[in-house]
Amino acid sequence: MEQKSKMTAGLLGIFLGAWGVHNFYLGNTKRAIIQIIVTICTCGAGGLWGLIEGIMILVGKINTDADGNPLAD
């Protein structure tokens, strides 16, 4: 299986993180669905969660996908 890109995951988190797109990309489907529900229930305020995760991916705090494979630089 090919490695997921850290840059792609981080940018998806920053720009579309409210909808959990970066977690779908990384294979964390359950977390992505929870992000969508939180975003809807908080009238969008839950989108900060995705923004923060996107930044964490880009700075290296989150560095693996759902299967534990390291993200490619």
C-alpha atoms as a PDB file:
ATOM      1  CA  MET A   1       0.000   0.000   0.000  1.00  0.00           C
ATOM      2  CA  GLU A   2       1.352   3.432  -0.865  1.00  0.00           C
ATOM      3  CA  GLN A   3       2.123   6.005   1.812  1.00  0.00           C
ATOM      4  CA  LYS A   4      -0.230   8.909   2.358  1.00  0.00           C
ATOM      5  CA  SER A   5       1.178  12.407   1.961  1.00  0.00           C
ATOM      6  CA  LYS A   6       1.670  14.511   5.085  1.00  0.00           C
ATOM      7  CA  MET A   7       1.197  17.712   3.064  1.00  0.00           C
ATOM      8  CA  THR A   8      -2.061  16.517   1.516  1.00  0.00           C
ATOM      9  CA  ALA A   9      -3.461  15.343   4.853  1.00  0.00           C
ATOM     10  CA  GLY A  10      -2.462  18.582   6.587  1.00  0.00           C
ATOM     11  CA  LEU A  11      -3.965  20.839   3.938  1.00  0.00           C
ATOM     12  CA  LEU A  12      -7.167  18.787   3.846  1.00  0.00           C
ATOM     13  CA  GLY A  13      -7.365  19.197   7.628  1.00  0.00           C
ATOM     14  CA  ILE A  14      -6.873  22.943   7.454  1.00  0.00           C
ATOM     15  CA  PHE A  15      -9.282  23.641   4.601  1.00  0.00           C
ATOM     16  CA  LEU A  16     -11.850  20.801   4.862  1.00  0.00           C
ATOM     17  CA  GLY A  17     -11.236  19.502   8.373  1.00  0.00           C
ATOM     18  CA  ALA A  18     -14.686  20.485   9.600  1.00  0.00           C
ATOM     19  CA  TRP A  19     -16.017  17.712   7.356  1.00  0.00           C
ATOM     20  CA  GLY A  20     -13.341  15.195   8.401  1.00  0.00           C
ATOM     21  CA  VAL A  21     -11.888  14.928   4.888  1.00  0.00           C
ATOM     22  CA  HIS A  22      -8.334  14.508   6.192  1.00  0.00           C
ATOM     23  CA  ASN A  23      -9.445  11.627   8.416  1.00  0.00           C
ATOM     24  CA  PHE A  24     -11.226   9.929   5.504  1.00  0.00           C
ATOM     25  CA  TYR A  25      -7.962  10.345   3.554  1.00  0.00           C
ATOM     26  CA  LEU A  26      -5.951   8.766   6.394  1.00  0.00           C
ATOM     27  CA  GLY A  27      -8.451   5.920   6.843  1.00  0.00           C
ATOM     28  CA  ASN A  28      -9.941   7.105  10.151  1.00  0.00           C
ATOM     29  CA  THR A  29     -13.551   6.795   8.971  1.00  0.00           C
ATOM     30  CA  LYS A  30     -15.153   6.646  12.432  1.00  0.00           C
ATOM     31  CA  ARG A  31     -13.325   9.804  13.567  1.00  0.00           C
ATOM     32  CA  ALA A  32     -14.286  11.573  10.330  1.00  0.00           C
ATOM     33  CA  ILE A  33     -17.977  10.802  10.828  1.00  0.00           C
ATOM     34  CA  ILE A  34     -17.781  12.042  14.420  1.00  0.00           C
ATOM     35  CA  GLN A  35     -16.186  15.289  13.149  1.00  0.00           C
ATOM     36  CA  ILE A  36     -19.061  15.810  10.728  1.00  0.00           C
ATOM     37  CA  ILE A  37     -21.617  15.281  13.500  1.00  0.00           C
ATOM     38  CA  VAL A  38     -19.778  17.623  15.895  1.00  0.00           C
ATOM     39  CA  THR A  39     -19.506  20.304  13.200  1.00  0.00           C
ATOM     40  CA  ILE A  40     -23.231  20.103  12.462  1.00  0.00           C
ATOM     41  CA  CYS A  41     -24.275  20.032  16.139  1.00  0.00           C
ATOM     42  CA  THR A  42     -22.104  23.046  16.994  1.00  0.00           C
ATOM     43  CA  CYS A  43     -23.177  25.093  13.952  1.00  0.00           C
ATOM     44  CA  GLY A  44     -19.650  24.972  12.543  1.00  0.00           C
ATOM     45  CA  ALA A  45     -17.629  25.642  15.685  1.00  0.00           C
ATOM     46  CA  GLY A  46     -16.485  22.013  15.671  1.00  0.00           C
ATOM     47  CA  GLY A  47     -14.514  22.877  12.552  1.00  0.00           C
ATOM     48  CA  LEU A  48     -11.704  24.077  14.811  1.00  0.00           C
ATOM     49  CA  TRP A  49     -11.006  20.430  15.594  1.00  0.00           C
ATOM     50  CA  GLY A  50     -10.104  19.763  11.935  1.00  0.00           C
ATOM     51  CA  LEU A  51      -8.035  22.944  11.689  1.00  0.00           C
ATOM     52  CA  ILE A  52      -6.021  21.975  14.750  1.00  0.00           C
ATOM     53  CA  GLU A  53      -5.504  18.416  13.482  1.00  0.00           C
ATOM     54  CA  GLY A  54      -4.369  19.769  10.105  1.00  0.00           C
ATOM     55  CA  ILE A  55      -1.738  21.905  11.801  1.00  0.00           C
ATOM     56  CA  MET A  56      -0.686  18.969  13.995  1.00  0.00           C
ATOM     57  CA  ILE A  57      -0.179  16.830  10.882  1.00  0.00           C
ATOM     58  CA  LEU A  58       1.969  19.479   9.202  1.00  0.00           C
ATOM     59  CA  VAL A  59       4.209  19.982  12.253  1.00  0.00           C
ATOM     60  CA  GLY A  60       4.613  16.223  12.750  1.00  0.00           C
ATOM     61  CA  LYS A  61       2.563  15.597  15.894  1.00  0.00           C
ATOM     62  CA  ILE A  62       0.310  13.263  13.888  1.00  0.00           C
ATOM     63  CA  ASN A  63       2.567  11.213  11.635  1.00  0.00           C
ATOM     64  CA  THR A  64       0.788   7.929  10.839  1.00  0.00           C
ATOM     65  CA  ASP A  65      -2.353   6.858   9.011  1.00  0.00           C
ATOM     66  CA  ALA A  66      -5.075   4.618  10.449  1.00  0.00           C
ATOM     67  CA  ASP A  67      -3.008   1.484   9.759  1.00  0.00           C
ATOM     68  CA  GLY A  68       0.059   2.865  11.543  1.00  0.00           C
ATOM     69  CA  ASN A  69       1.984   3.523   8.329  1.00  0.00           C
ATOM     70  CA  PRO A  70       4.188   6.630   8.452  1.00  0.00           C
ATOM     71  CA  LEU A  71       3.117   9.631   6.372  1.00  0.00           C
ATOM     72  CA  ALA A  72       5.377  10.511   3.450  1.00  0.00           C
ATOM     73  CA  ASP A  73       7.027  13.934   3.458  1.00  0.00           C
END
